[in-house]
């Protein structure tokens, strides 16, 4: 498989990472260098790792996961999105609903939700006899890079528009979850 094809696949997979990072950035809770690194590193790591897992899993595991992967992604993104909306609607001085989405279970949930499609791509790469290590590195690298761009843009928008952008960021996450669900259910 040519490099350009793998690159296009990587960009397609990274769009969810970009959009989620944009949404997280608007919340203004992951603005320092360490939080930024944790977020884009984990998104890239999970994308690469899920690609490798898909390649290793084979058809047996993927058939079980493919019947529910869209529901899992929707549920995880809707959960985090709802927490962001709640945080955007909170009164000044209240504790944020998501204090730092680059830590703990929130980071794991976001990383899994954005990388579920990479599992199926990994299976496809195994069927096509593609060098999966190279493909996983490209997919992880592109995902990390686009996550960094999305987080940077989101942070700038969040600083300018504040709580409104946090609500919009939550709606974006829920929208990504709905798009994933609808795409798998109807087309």
C-alpha atoms as a PDB file:
ATOM      1  CA  UNK A   1       0.000   0.000   0.000  1.00  0.00           C
ATOM      2  CA  UNK A   2       1.489   3.377  -0.970  1.00  0.00           C
ATOM      3  CA  UNK A   3       2.459   5.886   1.709  1.00  0.00           C
ATOM      4  CA  UNK A   4      -0.129   8.397   0.457  1.00  0.00           C
ATOM      5  CA  UNK A   5      -2.926   5.898   1.003  1.00  0.00           C
ATOM      6  CA  UNK A   6      -1.782   5.243   4.566  1.00  0.00           C
ATOM      7  CA  UNK A   7      -1.497   8.994   5.119  1.00  0.00           C
ATOM      8  CA  UNK A   8      -5.066   9.568   3.907  1.00  0.00           C
ATOM      9  CA  UNK A   9      -6.311   6.786   6.187  1.00  0.00           C
ATOM     10  CA  UNK A  10      -4.395   8.386   9.070  1.00  0.00           C
ATOM     11  CA  UNK A  11      -5.937  11.795   8.373  1.00  0.00           C
ATOM     12  CA  UNK A  12      -9.413  10.266   8.234  1.00  0.00           C
ATOM     13  CA  UNK A  13      -8.895   8.501  11.561  1.00  0.00           C
ATOM     14  CA  UNK A  14      -7.384  11.632  13.130  1.00  0.00           C
ATOM     15  CA  UNK A  15     -10.404  13.836  12.384  1.00  0.00           C
ATOM     16  CA  UNK A  16     -12.176  12.631  15.525  1.00  0.00           C
ATOM     17  CA  UNK A  17      -9.015  13.373  17.540  1.00  0.00           C
ATOM     18  CA  UNK A  18      -8.873  16.852  16.034  1.00  0.00           C
ATOM     19  CA  UNK A  19     -12.539  17.582  16.748  1.00  0.00           C
ATOM     20  CA  UNK A  20     -12.405  16.219  20.302  1.00  0.00           C
ATOM     21  CA  UNK A  21      -9.211  18.186  20.993  1.00  0.00           C
ATOM     22  CA  UNK A  22     -10.873  21.310  19.647  1.00  0.00           C
ATOM     23  CA  UNK A  23     -13.814  20.712  21.987  1.00  0.00           C
ATOM     24  CA  UNK A  24     -11.582  20.017  24.990  1.00  0.00           C
ATOM     25  CA  UNK A  25      -9.508  23.100  24.219  1.00  0.00           C
ATOM     26  CA  UNK A  26     -12.559  25.336  24.262  1.00  0.00           C
ATOM     27  CA  UNK A  27     -13.234  24.310  27.864  1.00  0.00           C
ATOM     28  CA  UNK A  28      -9.977  26.032  28.850  1.00  0.00           C
ATOM     29  CA  UNK A  29      -9.097  23.360  31.406  1.00  0.00           C
ATOM     30  CA  UNK A  30      -6.116  21.791  29.591  1.00  0.00           C
ATOM     31  CA  UNK A  31      -4.001  24.824  28.771  1.00  0.00           C
ATOM     32  CA  UNK A  32      -0.553  24.143  30.222  1.00  0.00           C
ATOM     33  CA  UNK A  33       2.223  22.314  28.360  1.00  0.00           C
ATOM     34  CA  UNK A  34       1.930  19.098  30.404  1.00  0.00           C
ATOM     35  CA  UNK A  35      -1.823  18.788  29.856  1.00  0.00           C
ATOM     36  CA  UNK A  36      -1.383  19.512  26.160  1.00  0.00           C
ATOM     37  CA  UNK A  37       1.330  16.867  25.881  1.00  0.00           C
ATOM     38  CA  UNK A  38      -0.713  14.267  27.772  1.00  0.00           C
ATOM     39  CA  UNK A  39      -3.700  14.811  25.521  1.00  0.00           C
ATOM     40  CA  UNK A  40      -2.022  14.697  22.126  1.00  0.00           C
ATOM     41  CA  UNK A  41       0.377  11.928  23.199  1.00  0.00           C
ATOM     42  CA  UNK A  42      -2.420   9.662  24.412  1.00  0.00           C
ATOM     43  CA  UNK A  43      -4.607  10.297  21.368  1.00  0.00           C
ATOM     44  CA  UNK A  44      -1.700   9.342  19.092  1.00  0.00           C
ATOM     45  CA  UNK A  45      -0.735   6.381  21.284  1.00  0.00           C
ATOM     46  CA  UNK A  46      -4.269   5.001  21.404  1.00  0.00           C
ATOM     47  CA  UNK A  47      -4.749   5.423  17.634  1.00  0.00           C
ATOM     48  CA  UNK A  48      -1.516   3.534  16.947  1.00  0.00           C
ATOM     49  CA  UNK A  49      -2.243   0.956  19.641  1.00  0.00           C
ATOM     50  CA  UNK A  50      -5.782   0.267  18.450  1.00  0.00           C
ATOM     51  CA  UNK A  51      -4.474  -0.149  14.901  1.00  0.00           C
ATOM     52  CA  UNK A  52      -2.033  -2.768  16.176  1.00  0.00           C
ATOM     53  CA  UNK A  53      -4.719  -4.425  18.306  1.00  0.00           C
ATOM     54  CA  UNK A  54      -7.041  -4.629  15.313  1.00  0.00           C
ATOM     55  CA  UNK A  55      -4.298  -6.192  13.289  1.00  0.00           C
ATOM     56  CA  UNK A  56      -3.597  -8.729  16.056  1.00  0.00           C
ATOM     57  CA  UNK A  57      -7.198  -9.438  16.962  1.00  0.00           C
ATOM     58  CA  UNK A  58      -8.281 -10.904  13.677  1.00  0.00           C
ATOM     59  CA  UNK A  59     -11.836 -11.381  12.507  1.00  0.00           C
ATOM     60  CA  UNK A  60     -13.121 -13.090  15.649  1.00  0.00           C
ATOM     61  CA  UNK A  61     -12.793 -10.199  18.068  1.00  0.00           C
ATOM     62  CA  UNK A  62     -13.662  -7.526  15.500  1.00  0.00           C
ATOM     63  CA  UNK A  63     -16.995  -9.191  14.683  1.00  0.00           C
ATOM     64  CA  UNK A  64     -17.954  -8.954  18.348  1.00  0.00           C
ATOM     65  CA  UNK A  65     -16.770  -5.380  18.703  1.00  0.00           C
ATOM     66  CA  UNK A  66     -18.127  -4.123  15.382  1.00  0.00           C
ATOM     67  CA  UNK A  67     -21.683  -4.796  16.485  1.00  0.00           C
ATOM     68  CA  UNK A  68     -21.352  -2.405  19.436  1.00  0.00           C
ATOM     69  CA  UNK A  69     -18.358  -0.147  18.703  1.00  0.00           C
ATOM     70  CA  UNK A  70     -20.570   2.709  17.523  1.00  0.00           C
ATOM     71  CA  UNK A  71     -22.642   2.525  20.724  1.00  0.00           C
ATOM     72  CA  UNK A  72     -19.498   2.525  22.865  1.00  0.00           C
ATOM     73  CA  UNK A  73     -18.052   5.555  21.037  1.00  0.00           C
ATOM     74  CA  UNK A  74     -21.384   7.403  21.254  1.00  0.00           C
ATOM     75  CA  UNK A  75     -21.793   6.670  24.965  1.00  0.00           C
ATOM     76  CA  UNK A  76     -18.274   7.731  25.877  1.00  0.00           C
ATOM     77  CA  UNK A  77     -18.368  10.947  23.839  1.00  0.00           C
ATOM     78  CA  UNK A  78     -21.881  11.839  25.022  1.00  0.00           C
ATOM     79  CA  UNK A  79     -20.827  11.331  28.639  1.00  0.00           C
ATOM     80  CA  UNK A  80     -17.797  13.628  28.364  1.00  0.00           C
ATOM     81  CA  UNK A  81     -19.744  16.122  26.197  1.00  0.00           C
ATOM     82  CA  UNK A  82     -22.554  16.336  28.748  1.00  0.00           C
ATOM     83  CA  UNK A  83     -20.014  16.990  31.494  1.00  0.00           C
ATOM     84  CA  UNK A  84     -18.475  19.787  29.421  1.00  0.00           C
ATOM     85  CA  UNK A  85     -21.894  21.355  28.789  1.00  0.00           C
ATOM     86  CA  UNK A  86     -22.669  21.158  32.485  1.00  0.00           C
ATOM     87  CA  UNK A  87     -19.333  22.825  33.182  1.00  0.00           C
ATOM     88  CA  UNK A  88     -20.090  25.601  30.693  1.00  0.00           C
ATOM     89  CA  UNK A  89     -23.450  26.265  32.323  1.00  0.00           C
ATOM     90  CA  UNK A  90     -22.124  26.300  35.901  1.00  0.00           C
ATOM     91  CA  UNK A  91     -22.065  29.514  37.856  1.00  0.00           C
ATOM     92  CA  UNK A  92     -18.810  31.329  38.551  1.00  0.00           C
ATOM     93  CA  UNK A  93     -16.931  29.885  41.506  1.00  0.00           C
ATOM     94  CA  UNK A  94     -18.356  26.359  41.205  1.00  0.00           C
ATOM     95  CA  UNK A  95     -15.974  23.433  40.772  1.00  0.00           C
ATOM     96  CA  UNK A  96     -15.558  22.552  37.054  1.00  0.00           C
ATOM     97  CA  UNK A  97     -17.338  19.388  35.855  1.00  0.00           C
ATOM     98  CA  UNK A  98     -14.130  18.331  34.079  1.00  0.00           C
ATOM     99  CA  UNK A  99     -11.223  19.831  36.015  1.00  0.00           C
ATOM    100  CA  UNK A 100      -8.576  18.549  33.581  1.00  0.00           C
ATOM    101  CA  UNK A 101      -9.612  16.263  30.706  1.00  0.00           C
ATOM    102  CA  UNK A 102      -5.959  15.339  30.169  1.00  0.00           C
ATOM    103  CA  UNK A 103      -5.910  13.253  33.354  1.00  0.00           C
ATOM    104  CA  UNK A 104      -7.427  10.096  34.714  1.00  0.00           C
ATOM    105  CA  UNK A 105     -10.480   8.329  33.389  1.00  0.00           C
ATOM    106  CA  UNK A 106     -11.603  11.276  31.268  1.00  0.00           C
ATOM    107  CA  UNK A 107      -8.384  11.013  29.242  1.00  0.00           C
ATOM    108  CA  UNK A 108      -8.798   7.244  28.885  1.00  0.00           C
ATOM    109  CA  UNK A 109     -12.454   7.613  27.840  1.00  0.00           C
ATOM    110  CA  UNK A 110     -11.616  10.240  25.230  1.00  0.00           C
ATOM    111  CA  UNK A 111      -8.654   8.217  23.945  1.00  0.00           C
ATOM    112  CA  UNK A 112     -10.727   5.063  23.546  1.00  0.00           C
ATOM    113  CA  UNK A 113     -13.685   6.881  22.007  1.00  0.00           C
ATOM    114  CA  UNK A 114     -11.530   8.528  19.346  1.00  0.00           C
ATOM    115  CA  UNK A 115      -9.626   5.358  18.461  1.00  0.00           C
ATOM    116  CA  UNK A 116     -12.282   2.657  18.139  1.00  0.00           C
ATOM    117  CA  UNK A 117     -12.337   2.995  14.330  1.00  0.00           C
ATOM    118  CA  UNK A 118      -8.589   2.303  14.261  1.00  0.00           C
ATOM    119  CA  UNK A 119      -9.360  -1.229  15.442  1.00  0.00           C
ATOM    120  CA  UNK A 120     -11.281  -1.982  12.241  1.00  0.00           C
ATOM    121  CA  UNK A 121      -8.596  -0.278  10.155  1.00  0.00           C
ATOM    122  CA  UNK A 122      -5.994  -2.543  11.784  1.00  0.00           C
ATOM    123  CA  UNK A 123      -7.983  -5.594  10.724  1.00  0.00           C
ATOM    124  CA  UNK A 124      -8.203  -4.252   7.179  1.00  0.00           C
ATOM    125  CA  UNK A 125      -4.455  -3.699   7.119  1.00  0.00           C
ATOM    126  CA  UNK A 126      -3.901  -7.310   8.160  1.00  0.00           C
ATOM    127  CA  UNK A 127      -6.135  -8.547   5.335  1.00  0.00           C
ATOM    128  CA  UNK A 128      -4.252  -6.327   2.846  1.00  0.00           C
ATOM    129  CA  UNK A 129      -0.847  -7.517   4.145  1.00  0.00           C
ATOM    130  CA  UNK A 130       0.337  -3.988   4.931  1.00  0.00           C
ATOM    131  CA  UNK A 131       3.375  -3.341   7.150  1.00  0.00           C
ATOM    132  CA  UNK A 132       1.305  -2.650  10.258  1.00  0.00           C
ATOM    133  CA  UNK A 133       4.140  -1.167  12.320  1.00  0.00           C
ATOM    134  CA  UNK A 134       4.792   1.552   9.735  1.00  0.00           C
ATOM    135  CA  UNK A 135       1.060   2.186   9.275  1.00  0.00           C
ATOM    136  CA  UNK A 136       0.463   2.390  13.052  1.00  0.00           C
ATOM    137  CA  UNK A 137       3.325   4.872  13.443  1.00  0.00           C
ATOM    138  CA  UNK A 138       1.925   7.075  10.674  1.00  0.00           C
ATOM    139  CA  UNK A 139      -1.615   6.854  12.083  1.00  0.00           C
ATOM    140  CA  UNK A 140      -0.424   7.629  15.622  1.00  0.00           C
ATOM    141  CA  UNK A 141       1.802  10.492  14.482  1.00  0.00           C
ATOM    142  CA  UNK A 142      -0.882  12.146  12.365  1.00  0.00           C
ATOM    143  CA  UNK A 143      -3.431  11.733  15.167  1.00  0.00           C
ATOM    144  CA  UNK A 144      -1.071  13.292  17.705  1.00  0.00           C
ATOM    145  CA  UNK A 145      -0.265  16.197  15.368  1.00  0.00           C
ATOM    146  CA  UNK A 146      -3.896  16.963  14.544  1.00  0.00           C
ATOM    147  CA  UNK A 147      -4.818  16.643  18.219  1.00  0.00           C
ATOM    148  CA  UNK A 148      -2.202  19.254  19.057  1.00  0.00           C
ATOM    149  CA  UNK A 149      -3.544  21.580  16.356  1.00  0.00           C
ATOM    150  CA  UNK A 150      -7.133  21.076  17.563  1.00  0.00           C
ATOM    151  CA  UNK A 151      -6.227  21.672  21.197  1.00  0.00           C
ATOM    152  CA  UNK A 152      -4.254  24.804  20.340  1.00  0.00           C
ATOM    153  CA  UNK A 153      -7.113  26.234  18.283  1.00  0.00           C
ATOM    154  CA  UNK A 154      -9.640  25.260  20.948  1.00  0.00           C
ATOM    155  CA  UNK A 155      -7.595  26.932  23.682  1.00  0.00           C
ATOM    156  CA  UNK A 156      -7.477  30.162  21.691  1.00  0.00           C
ATOM    157  CA  UNK A 157     -11.222  30.074  21.034  1.00  0.00           C
ATOM    158  CA  UNK A 158     -11.946  29.188  24.657  1.00  0.00           C
ATOM    159  CA  UNK A 159      -9.904  32.102  25.991  1.00  0.00           C
ATOM    160  CA  UNK A 160     -11.747  34.464  23.711  1.00  0.00           C
ATOM    161  CA  UNK A 161     -15.299  33.193  24.134  1.00  0.00           C
ATOM    162  CA  UNK A 162     -15.166  31.481  27.541  1.00  0.00           C
ATOM    163  CA  UNK A 163     -18.090  29.412  28.808  1.00  0.00           C
ATOM    164  CA  UNK A 164     -19.958  29.582  25.508  1.00  0.00           C
ATOM    165  CA  UNK A 165     -17.120  27.678  23.849  1.00  0.00           C
ATOM    166  CA  UNK A 166     -17.176  25.062  26.607  1.00  0.00           C
ATOM    167  CA  UNK A 167     -20.848  24.388  25.864  1.00  0.00           C
ATOM    168  CA  UNK A 168     -20.117  24.330  22.123  1.00  0.00           C
ATOM    169  CA  UNK A 169     -17.201  21.959  22.761  1.00  0.00           C
ATOM    170  CA  UNK A 170     -19.519  19.604  24.642  1.00  0.00           C
ATOM    171  CA  UNK A 171     -22.035  19.785  21.812  1.00  0.00           C
ATOM    172  CA  UNK A 172     -19.229  18.984  19.337  1.00  0.00           C
ATOM    173  CA  UNK A 173     -18.330  15.843  21.306  1.00  0.00           C
ATOM    174  CA  UNK A 174     -21.949  14.729  21.426  1.00  0.00           C
ATOM    175  CA  UNK A 175     -22.244  15.512  17.700  1.00  0.00           C
ATOM    176  CA  UNK A 176     -19.214  13.346  16.913  1.00  0.00           C
ATOM    177  CA  UNK A 177     -20.765  10.542  18.937  1.00  0.00           C
ATOM    178  CA  UNK A 178     -24.080  10.931  17.090  1.00  0.00           C
ATOM    179  CA  UNK A 179     -22.315  10.992  13.717  1.00  0.00           C
ATOM    180  CA  UNK A 180     -20.492   7.790  14.601  1.00  0.00           C
ATOM    181  CA  UNK A 181     -23.729   6.157  15.702  1.00  0.00           C
ATOM    182  CA  UNK A 182     -25.755   7.268  12.683  1.00  0.00           C
ATOM    183  CA  UNK A 183     -22.988   6.320  10.233  1.00  0.00           C
ATOM    184  CA  UNK A 184     -22.829   2.800  11.626  1.00  0.00           C
ATOM    185  CA  UNK A 185     -26.576   2.344  11.904  1.00  0.00           C
ATOM    186  CA  UNK A 186     -27.670   3.818   8.573  1.00  0.00           C
ATOM    187  CA  UNK A 187     -24.846   3.869   6.202  1.00  0.00           C
END
